Structure formats: structure tokens, C-alpha cells
Amino acid sequence: MNTAPPSPYERMILRLAFLAPDLQRDILAGLQPAGVNLEIFRTIEVPPAWSRQRIALGWEQARSPCSGEQYP
């Protein structure tokens, strides 16, 4: 029995469920680094370790909203 998502797109989207909770929260709030979008997840291998995800996706360097809004 195959339990993996059938298409490459579905497998890529499923990987987003394994992002660190704070990264998910920032993305939903529009606070991700400017270069982080769905397309980036097609081109990089997201590390399973949450600490390494932050480094790979640039969270350590960017702590400002991508929309130009200010943190409260």
C-alpha cells in the first residue's frame, strides 16, 4: 500500500507541514524573509531540523515583515 502523495506537487506542499511552528506562523502573518515564497520550496531541500530550517530559509538574518509593515 502506497501512502505517499501521488504527485510531485502534493509531495512538495506536504513538506510545508513540517516547517517549524514559528516559521509557519510568520509565513501566515506575512513576516517571512522577502525571498521566501512557494517557489523557493521547489528549488531547495528543506532540512528536517527546525534550527537548520531557520538558517536555510534566512530567518536568522531577516526579522522584518516582507510587506514593509513594522513589528508591533
C-alpha atoms as a PDB file:
ATOM      1  CA  MET A   1       0.000   0.000   0.000  1.00  0.00           C
ATOM      2  CA  ASN A   2       1.451   3.381  -1.088  1.00  0.00           C
ATOM      3  CA  THR A   3       0.714   6.183   1.370  1.00  0.00           C
ATOM      4  CA  ALA A   4       2.860   8.898  -0.252  1.00  0.00           C
ATOM      5  CA  PRO A   5       1.072  11.719  -2.075  1.00  0.00           C
ATOM      6  CA  PRO A   6       0.739  10.738  -5.737  1.00  0.00           C
ATOM      7  CA  SER A   7       2.036  13.882  -7.436  1.00  0.00           C
ATOM      8  CA  PRO A   8       5.313  15.793  -7.031  1.00  0.00           C
ATOM      9  CA  TYR A   9       3.318  18.977  -6.323  1.00  0.00           C
ATOM     10  CA  GLU A  10       1.432  17.317  -3.467  1.00  0.00           C
ATOM     11  CA  ARG A  11       4.679  15.972  -2.016  1.00  0.00           C
ATOM     12  CA  MET A  12       6.200  19.455  -2.155  1.00  0.00           C
ATOM     13  CA  ILE A  13       3.197  21.033  -0.419  1.00  0.00           C
ATOM     14  CA  LEU A  14       3.193  18.316   2.232  1.00  0.00           C
ATOM     15  CA  ARG A  15       6.749  19.268   3.201  1.00  0.00           C
ATOM     16  CA  LEU A  16       5.421  22.655   4.319  1.00  0.00           C
ATOM     17  CA  ALA A  17       3.543  20.904   7.132  1.00  0.00           C
ATOM     18  CA  PHE A  18       6.907  20.004   8.659  1.00  0.00           C
ATOM     19  CA  LEU A  19       8.179  23.572   8.929  1.00  0.00           C
ATOM     20  CA  ALA A  20       8.924  24.824  12.427  1.00  0.00           C
ATOM     21  CA  PRO A  21       5.757  26.250  14.036  1.00  0.00           C
ATOM     22  CA  ASP A  22       7.241  29.746  14.331  1.00  0.00           C
ATOM     23  CA  LEU A  23       8.142  29.724  10.637  1.00  0.00           C
ATOM     24  CA  GLN A  24       4.597  28.663   9.730  1.00  0.00           C
ATOM     25  CA  ARG A  25       3.217  31.433  11.946  1.00  0.00           C
ATOM     26  CA  ASP A  26       5.493  34.046  10.348  1.00  0.00           C
ATOM     27  CA  ILE A  27       4.536  32.912   6.829  1.00  0.00           C
ATOM     28  CA  LEU A  28       0.823  33.084   7.621  1.00  0.00           C
ATOM     29  CA  ALA A  29       1.317  36.580   9.070  1.00  0.00           C
ATOM     30  CA  GLY A  30       3.378  37.711   6.046  1.00  0.00           C
ATOM     31  CA  LEU A  31       6.513  38.111   8.144  1.00  0.00           C
ATOM     32  CA  GLN A  32       8.798  35.721   6.248  1.00  0.00           C
ATOM     33  CA  PRO A  33      12.055  36.936   4.691  1.00  0.00           C
ATOM     34  CA  ALA A  34      11.492  38.621   1.335  1.00  0.00           C
ATOM     35  CA  GLY A  35      12.867  35.722  -0.744  1.00  0.00           C
ATOM     36  CA  VAL A  36      10.744  33.040   0.915  1.00  0.00           C
ATOM     37  CA  ASN A  37       7.776  32.045  -1.229  1.00  0.00           C
ATOM     38  CA  LEU A  38       6.260  28.840  -2.531  1.00  0.00           C
ATOM     39  CA  GLU A  39       8.673  28.790  -5.453  1.00  0.00           C
ATOM     40  CA  ILE A  40      11.691  28.590  -3.129  1.00  0.00           C
ATOM     41  CA  PHE A  41      10.363  25.305  -1.761  1.00  0.00           C
ATOM     42  CA  ARG A  42      10.626  23.838  -5.264  1.00  0.00           C
ATOM     43  CA  THR A  43      14.315  24.666  -5.505  1.00  0.00           C
ATOM     44  CA  ILE A  44      15.758  23.838  -2.074  1.00  0.00           C
ATOM     45  CA  GLU A  45      15.743  20.827   0.182  1.00  0.00           C
ATOM     46  CA  VAL A  46      14.211  21.957   3.474  1.00  0.00           C
ATOM     47  CA  PRO A  47      16.141  20.431   6.378  1.00  0.00           C
ATOM     48  CA  PRO A  48      14.089  18.401   8.859  1.00  0.00           C
ATOM     49  CA  ALA A  49      15.720  20.089  11.898  1.00  0.00           C
ATOM     50  CA  TRP A  50      13.854  23.262  12.814  1.00  0.00           C
ATOM     51  CA  SER A  51      17.056  25.126  13.717  1.00  0.00           C
ATOM     52  CA  ARG A  52      18.524  24.327  10.295  1.00  0.00           C
ATOM     53  CA  GLN A  53      15.290  25.388   8.569  1.00  0.00           C
ATOM     54  CA  ARG A  54      15.694  28.873  10.031  1.00  0.00           C
ATOM     55  CA  ILE A  55      19.229  29.124   8.649  1.00  0.00           C
ATOM     56  CA  ALA A  56      18.402  27.606   5.223  1.00  0.00           C
ATOM     57  CA  LEU A  57      15.433  29.926   4.724  1.00  0.00           C
ATOM     58  CA  GLY A  58      17.100  33.074   6.055  1.00  0.00           C
ATOM     59  CA  TRP A  59      15.104  33.621   9.241  1.00  0.00           C
ATOM     60  CA  GLU A  60      18.242  34.363  11.244  1.00  0.00           C
ATOM     61  CA  GLN A  61      19.114  37.352   9.068  1.00  0.00           C
ATOM     62  CA  ALA A  62      15.636  38.755   8.472  1.00  0.00           C
ATOM     63  CA  ARG A  63      13.385  39.845  11.281  1.00  0.00           C
ATOM     64  CA  SER A  64      11.308  42.405   9.457  1.00  0.00           C
ATOM     65  CA  PRO A  65       7.995  41.913   7.650  1.00  0.00           C
ATOM     66  CA  CYS A  66       8.264  41.237   3.931  1.00  0.00           C
ATOM     67  CA  SER A  67       5.334  43.590   3.299  1.00  0.00           C
ATOM     68  CA  GLY A  68       7.159  46.604   4.720  1.00  0.00           C
ATOM     69  CA  GLU A  69       4.955  46.743   7.813  1.00  0.00           C
ATOM     70  CA  GLN A  70       6.561  47.188  11.202  1.00  0.00           C
ATOM     71  CA  TYR A  71       6.502  44.673  14.041  1.00  0.00           C
ATOM     72  CA  PRO A  72       4.137  45.740  16.832  1.00  0.00           C
END
